[in-house]
């Protein structure tokens, strides 16, 4: 059987988690263990079983954000670092997860997507697998669902757990900078979403290409901002990772650092290749006149000045 990206990612996340729990920091390890069990139970009940019953992968859009909120809950309940760090990073994870999770559930009730129909991006993944000759597509899609749960159990949790266990009394400039990046990214994402909603609300724009505001500089400024959210968390975690060196062997400490960095890398891969920009544009080119010209003149992900 041909290995899909889901199986490769799942293997990587499991291996990274298994190495990270070799840290000498008992509370950090306990948080990884509790969160790992939480994420597996959540994804099994909310995404894997519904997928097996309905064939729709979209259930992961509910499981993933509530899993992120679960990381925040573990941080607040178990973190033993400086209270201001624990409260701040726990609130960040809760905010990210609950905002997206409640939004997904609300949309599911209003539109039927997830509960009754599939998101186009997951139809695209199924089509990609079929065209590449992948066998047992259902099994591979299940692997991709669980890969997102395993990401929550490992790479996406590591930065938060490092910060939550940092006992240093002084907040460093890098931590402030990381949280500033997160806050800025959230504002950018909200502005981009608002500009898109304003554009599509006007009858004359039906079937048109949104190229106003932030959308003039990036074809997916909302995805870029979401990636920046997690990059800000990674930046904020660097001082805590450096402080963690005394609690782990050099090899394990390096693995934990790689795991924390992969929070940013994983979101980039997901938001560009798996369920973000490229799947969205596959349909946009076919539905929107002028989208190919928009592709030619406007950066896909990272904002830049449009070409003349």
Protein backbone atom coordinates (compact mmCIF):
# COMPACT_ATOMS: atom_id res chain seq x y z
CA UNK A 1 0.00 0.00 0.00
CA UNK A 2 1.32 3.42 -1.00
CA UNK A 3 2.04 5.58 2.05
CA UNK A 4 0.10 8.84 2.08
CA UNK A 5 1.10 12.12 3.66
CA UNK A 6 -1.22 11.30 6.55
CA UNK A 7 0.68 8.13 7.47
CA UNK A 8 4.05 9.88 7.17
CA UNK A 9 2.94 12.78 9.37
CA UNK A 10 1.33 10.49 11.93
CA UNK A 11 4.52 8.46 12.23
CA UNK A 12 6.60 11.62 12.62
CA UNK A 13 4.32 13.07 15.32
CA UNK A 14 4.23 9.82 17.30
CA UNK A 15 8.03 9.50 17.16
CA UNK A 16 8.51 13.12 18.22
CA UNK A 17 6.05 12.75 21.11
CA UNK A 18 7.76 9.53 22.25
CA UNK A 19 11.13 11.29 22.34
CA UNK A 20 9.77 14.44 24.02
CA UNK A 21 8.39 12.45 26.95
CA UNK A 22 11.96 11.42 27.72
CA UNK A 23 12.53 14.91 29.12
CA UNK A 24 13.63 15.08 32.73
CA UNK A 25 10.95 17.67 33.53
CA UNK A 26 8.26 15.53 35.14
CA UNK A 27 5.47 18.09 34.82
CA UNK A 28 6.25 18.76 31.16
CA UNK A 29 6.10 15.01 30.53
CA UNK A 30 2.84 14.64 32.49
CA UNK A 31 1.26 17.42 30.42
CA UNK A 32 2.31 15.69 27.18
CA UNK A 33 0.82 12.41 28.42
CA UNK A 34 -2.48 13.89 29.58
CA UNK A 35 -2.83 15.95 26.41
CA UNK A 36 -1.97 12.95 24.23
CA UNK A 37 -4.78 10.91 25.77
CA UNK A 38 -7.17 13.85 25.51
CA UNK A 39 -6.45 14.44 21.82
CA UNK A 40 -6.78 10.78 20.87
CA UNK A 41 -10.14 10.46 22.65
CA UNK A 42 -11.41 13.72 21.16
CA UNK A 43 -10.40 12.92 17.58
CA UNK A 44 -11.68 9.36 17.81
CA UNK A 45 -15.11 10.48 19.05
CA UNK A 46 -15.58 13.74 17.14
CA UNK A 47 -13.77 13.09 13.84
CA UNK A 48 -12.79 9.44 13.22
CA UNK A 49 -16.07 7.73 14.13
CA UNK A 50 -18.24 10.33 12.32
CA UNK A 51 -15.97 9.97 9.27
CA UNK A 52 -16.40 6.19 9.27
CA UNK A 53 -20.18 6.63 9.55
CA UNK A 54 -20.63 9.41 6.98
CA UNK A 55 -17.51 9.36 4.78
CA UNK A 56 -16.99 13.09 5.39
CA UNK A 57 -13.58 14.32 6.51
CA UNK A 58 -14.97 17.76 7.43
CA UNK A 59 -15.62 16.59 11.00
CA UNK A 60 -11.95 17.32 11.66
CA UNK A 61 -12.79 21.04 11.44
CA UNK A 62 -14.62 20.63 14.74
CA UNK A 63 -12.18 18.25 16.41
CA UNK A 64 -9.01 20.21 15.62
CA UNK A 65 -9.91 23.61 17.13
CA UNK A 66 -11.49 22.10 20.23
CA UNK A 67 -8.31 20.04 20.55
CA UNK A 68 -6.32 23.29 20.54
CA UNK A 69 -8.63 24.60 23.26
CA UNK A 70 -7.92 21.36 25.13
CA UNK A 71 -4.20 22.19 25.05
CA UNK A 72 -5.06 25.52 26.66
CA UNK A 73 -7.09 23.77 29.36
CA UNK A 74 -4.19 21.41 30.13
CA UNK A 75 -1.85 24.41 30.38
CA UNK A 76 -4.11 26.22 32.83
CA UNK A 77 -4.74 23.09 34.90
CA UNK A 78 -1.22 21.65 35.01
CA UNK A 79 1.36 24.31 34.15
CA UNK A 80 3.70 25.00 37.07
CA UNK A 81 5.70 27.90 35.64
CA UNK A 82 5.35 31.59 36.41
CA UNK A 83 1.61 32.33 36.74
CA UNK A 84 1.66 35.19 34.24
CA UNK A 85 3.16 32.92 31.58
CA UNK A 86 0.77 30.09 32.28
CA UNK A 87 -2.28 32.34 32.22
CA UNK A 88 -1.18 34.21 29.09
CA UNK A 89 -0.32 31.19 26.94
CA UNK A 90 -3.26 29.17 28.24
CA UNK A 91 -5.60 32.02 27.28
CA UNK A 92 -4.01 32.22 23.81
CA UNK A 93 -4.64 28.53 23.11
CA UNK A 94 -8.18 28.71 24.48
CA UNK A 95 -8.92 31.78 22.40
CA UNK A 96 -7.59 30.23 19.19
CA UNK A 97 -9.44 26.95 19.72
CA UNK A 98 -12.79 28.19 21.00
CA UNK A 99 -13.03 30.94 18.38
CA UNK A 100 -12.51 28.52 15.52
CA UNK A 101 -14.40 25.62 17.10
CA UNK A 102 -17.53 27.58 17.94
CA UNK A 103 -17.36 29.21 14.51
CA UNK A 104 -17.23 25.79 12.83
CA UNK A 105 -20.19 24.46 14.82
CA UNK A 106 -22.24 27.61 14.14
CA UNK A 107 -21.50 27.38 10.41
CA UNK A 108 -22.35 23.68 10.40
CA UNK A 109 -25.80 24.38 11.83
CA UNK A 110 -26.42 27.31 9.48
CA UNK A 111 -25.16 25.85 6.21
CA UNK A 112 -25.14 22.08 6.69
CA UNK A 113 -21.44 21.84 5.78
CA UNK A 114 -19.81 19.20 8.04
CA UNK A 115 -23.16 17.84 9.29
CA UNK A 116 -24.61 17.18 5.84
CA UNK A 117 -22.06 18.01 3.15
CA UNK A 118 -18.28 17.99 2.67
CA UNK A 119 -15.96 21.00 2.45
CA UNK A 120 -14.57 21.38 -1.10
CA UNK A 121 -11.00 21.22 0.26
CA UNK A 122 -11.59 17.65 1.47
CA UNK A 123 -13.24 16.72 -1.82
CA UNK A 124 -10.02 18.02 -3.39
CA UNK A 125 -7.91 15.76 -1.15
CA UNK A 126 -10.02 12.77 -2.15
CA UNK A 127 -9.63 13.69 -5.83
CA UNK A 128 -5.85 14.11 -5.41
CA UNK A 129 -5.54 10.66 -3.89
CA UNK A 130 -7.68 9.11 -6.60
CA UNK A 131 -5.70 10.72 -9.43
CA UNK A 132 -2.37 9.69 -7.88
CA UNK A 133 -3.46 6.06 -7.85
CA UNK A 134 -3.65 5.82 -4.06
CA UNK A 135 -5.47 2.70 -2.94
CA UNK A 136 -7.70 2.44 0.14
CA UNK A 137 -8.50 6.16 0.00
CA UNK A 138 -10.83 5.89 2.98
CA UNK A 139 -8.00 4.55 5.13
CA UNK A 140 -5.64 7.30 3.98
CA UNK A 141 -8.20 10.00 4.76
CA UNK A 142 -8.64 8.51 8.22
CA UNK A 143 -4.86 8.71 8.65
CA UNK A 144 -4.95 12.41 7.75
CA UNK A 145 -7.68 12.99 10.33
CA UNK A 146 -5.64 11.31 13.04
CA UNK A 147 -2.48 13.14 11.92
CA UNK A 148 -4.17 16.39 12.93
CA UNK A 149 -4.96 14.94 16.34
CA UNK A 150 -1.38 13.74 16.73
CA UNK A 151 -0.16 17.21 15.73
CA UNK A 152 -2.23 18.60 18.62
CA UNK A 153 -0.66 15.98 20.88
CA UNK A 154 2.89 16.89 19.89
CA UNK A 155 4.15 19.80 17.80
CA UNK A 156 1.29 22.21 18.48
CA UNK A 157 1.35 21.56 22.22
CA UNK A 158 5.11 21.68 22.82
CA UNK A 159 5.55 25.49 22.56
CA UNK A 160 2.71 26.11 24.99
CA UNK A 161 3.88 23.47 27.47
CA UNK A 162 7.41 24.87 27.43
CA UNK A 163 6.14 28.36 28.20
CA UNK A 164 3.74 27.12 30.88
CA UNK A 165 6.57 25.37 32.75
CA UNK A 166 9.08 28.23 32.63
CA UNK A 167 9.61 29.44 36.21
CA UNK A 168 11.82 32.46 35.34
CA UNK A 169 10.34 35.53 37.09
CA UNK A 170 11.20 37.97 34.29
CA UNK A 171 9.37 38.12 30.97
CA UNK A 172 11.91 38.46 28.16
CA UNK A 173 11.65 40.80 25.15
CA UNK A 174 11.43 37.77 22.84
CA UNK A 175 8.36 36.53 24.70
CA UNK A 176 6.74 39.94 24.40
CA UNK A 177 7.64 40.04 20.70
CA UNK A 178 6.11 36.59 20.12
CA UNK A 179 2.83 37.55 21.77
CA UNK A 180 2.84 40.83 19.83
CA UNK A 181 3.17 38.85 16.59
CA UNK A 182 0.26 36.66 17.70
CA UNK A 183 -1.93 39.68 18.50
CA UNK A 184 -1.02 41.42 15.24
CA UNK A 185 -1.77 38.26 13.29
CA UNK A 186 -5.18 37.94 14.92
CA UNK A 187 -6.01 41.53 13.95
CA UNK A 188 -4.86 40.91 10.38
CA UNK A 189 -6.94 37.74 10.14
CA UNK A 190 -10.02 39.54 11.44
CA UNK A 191 -9.52 42.45 9.03
CA UNK A 192 -9.03 40.06 6.08
CA UNK A 193 -12.18 38.12 6.97
CA UNK A 194 -14.14 41.36 7.32
CA UNK A 195 -12.95 42.66 3.96
CA UNK A 196 -13.89 39.39 2.26
CA UNK A 197 -17.37 39.42 3.83
CA UNK A 198 -17.86 43.03 2.75
CA UNK A 199 -16.85 42.17 -0.81
CA UNK A 200 -19.12 39.17 -1.22
CA UNK A 201 -22.06 40.98 0.41
CA UNK A 202 -22.37 43.30 -2.61
CA UNK A 203 -24.51 41.87 -5.46
CA UNK A 204 -22.22 43.32 -8.14
CA UNK A 205 -19.33 41.22 -6.80
CA UNK A 206 -21.02 37.84 -7.17
CA UNK A 207 -18.59 35.53 -8.95
CA UNK A 208 -15.89 38.20 -8.85
CA UNK A 209 -12.38 38.17 -7.42
CA UNK A 210 -11.84 39.81 -4.03
CA UNK A 211 -8.77 42.02 -4.48
CA UNK A 212 -9.49 44.81 -2.00
CA UNK A 213 -7.55 45.75 1.12
CA UNK A 214 -5.22 43.01 2.31
CA UNK A 215 -6.36 40.82 -0.58
CA UNK A 216 -4.45 43.11 -2.98
CA UNK A 217 -1.18 41.94 -1.44
CA UNK A 218 -1.91 38.25 -0.85
CA UNK A 219 -4.42 35.88 -2.38
CA UNK A 220 -4.87 34.31 1.06
CA UNK A 221 -4.14 36.93 3.75
CA UNK A 222 -6.37 35.05 6.22
CA UNK A 223 -4.26 31.89 5.85
CA UNK A 224 -1.05 33.91 6.13
CA UNK A 225 -2.33 35.50 9.35
CA UNK A 226 -3.29 32.09 10.77
CA UNK A 227 0.24 30.83 10.08
CA UNK A 228 1.62 33.97 11.73
CA UNK A 229 -0.48 33.25 14.84
CA UNK A 230 1.42 30.01 15.41
CA UNK A 231 4.75 31.50 14.40
CA UNK A 232 4.27 34.10 17.14
CA UNK A 233 3.72 31.33 19.69
CA UNK A 234 6.90 29.59 18.50
CA UNK A 235 8.87 32.83 18.88
CA UNK A 236 7.51 33.32 22.39
CA UNK A 237 8.55 29.76 23.31
CA UNK A 238 12.25 30.18 22.42
CA UNK A 239 13.38 31.51 25.87
CA UNK A 240 11.47 28.70 27.60
CA UNK A 241 13.06 26.12 25.29
CA UNK A 242 16.51 27.49 26.11
CA UNK A 243 15.69 27.27 29.84
CA UNK A 244 14.51 23.67 29.35
CA UNK A 245 18.05 22.56 28.42
CA UNK A 246 18.88 21.85 32.06
CA UNK A 247 15.94 19.42 32.29
CA UNK A 248 16.73 17.13 29.36
CA UNK A 249 19.62 15.45 27.62
CA UNK A 250 21.03 17.36 24.68
CA UNK A 251 19.45 15.00 22.14
CA UNK A 252 15.98 15.20 23.72
CA UNK A 253 16.30 18.96 24.13
CA UNK A 254 17.08 19.33 20.42
CA UNK A 255 14.13 17.11 19.50
CA UNK A 256 11.83 19.24 21.66
CA UNK A 257 13.16 22.35 19.90
CA UNK A 258 12.51 20.78 16.50
CA UNK A 259 9.02 19.87 17.68
CA UNK A 260 8.30 23.42 18.74
CA UNK A 261 9.56 24.82 15.43
CA UNK A 262 7.38 22.34 13.56
CA UNK A 263 4.27 24.06 14.91
CA UNK A 264 4.99 26.85 12.43
CA UNK A 265 6.15 24.48 9.67
CA UNK A 266 3.10 22.22 10.04
CA UNK A 267 0.66 25.11 9.81
CA UNK A 268 2.41 26.39 6.69
CA UNK A 269 2.18 22.99 4.99
CA UNK A 270 -1.47 22.63 5.96
CA UNK A 271 -2.54 26.16 5.01
CA UNK A 272 -0.77 26.08 1.65
CA UNK A 273 -0.82 22.48 0.42
CA UNK A 274 -3.24 20.27 2.33
CA UNK A 275 -6.46 22.13 3.12
CA UNK A 276 -5.68 25.77 2.35
CA UNK A 277 -4.51 27.86 -0.58
CA UNK A 278 -3.91 25.29 -3.31
CA UNK A 279 -7.19 23.35 -2.82
CA UNK A 280 -9.12 26.65 -2.65
CA UNK A 281 -7.57 27.94 -5.86
CA UNK A 282 -8.37 24.75 -7.73
CA UNK A 283 -12.04 25.71 -7.45
CA UNK A 284 -11.58 29.49 -7.68
CA UNK A 285 -9.94 29.26 -11.11
CA UNK A 286 -12.94 27.32 -12.37
CA UNK A 287 -15.63 29.47 -10.77
CA UNK A 288 -14.29 33.04 -10.93
CA UNK A 289 -13.58 34.92 -14.11
CA UNK A 290 -10.34 36.80 -13.81
CA UNK A 291 -8.86 34.57 -11.13
CA UNK A 292 -5.96 33.48 -13.34
CA UNK A 293 -4.99 37.11 -13.81
CA UNK A 294 -5.26 37.57 -10.04
CA UNK A 295 -2.87 34.63 -9.64
CA UNK A 296 -0.43 36.25 -12.06
CA UNK A 297 -0.37 39.62 -10.31
CA UNK A 298 -0.77 38.75 -6.63
CA UNK A 299 1.43 36.75 -4.24
CA UNK A 300 -0.22 33.52 -3.15
CA UNK A 301 0.67 33.44 0.54
CA UNK A 302 3.24 35.94 1.80
CA UNK A 303 2.01 39.53 1.24
CA UNK A 304 3.86 41.52 -1.39
CA UNK A 305 3.17 44.39 -3.75
CA UNK A 306 1.06 43.34 -6.75
CA UNK A 307 2.67 43.06 -10.17
CA UNK A 308 1.63 45.63 -12.72
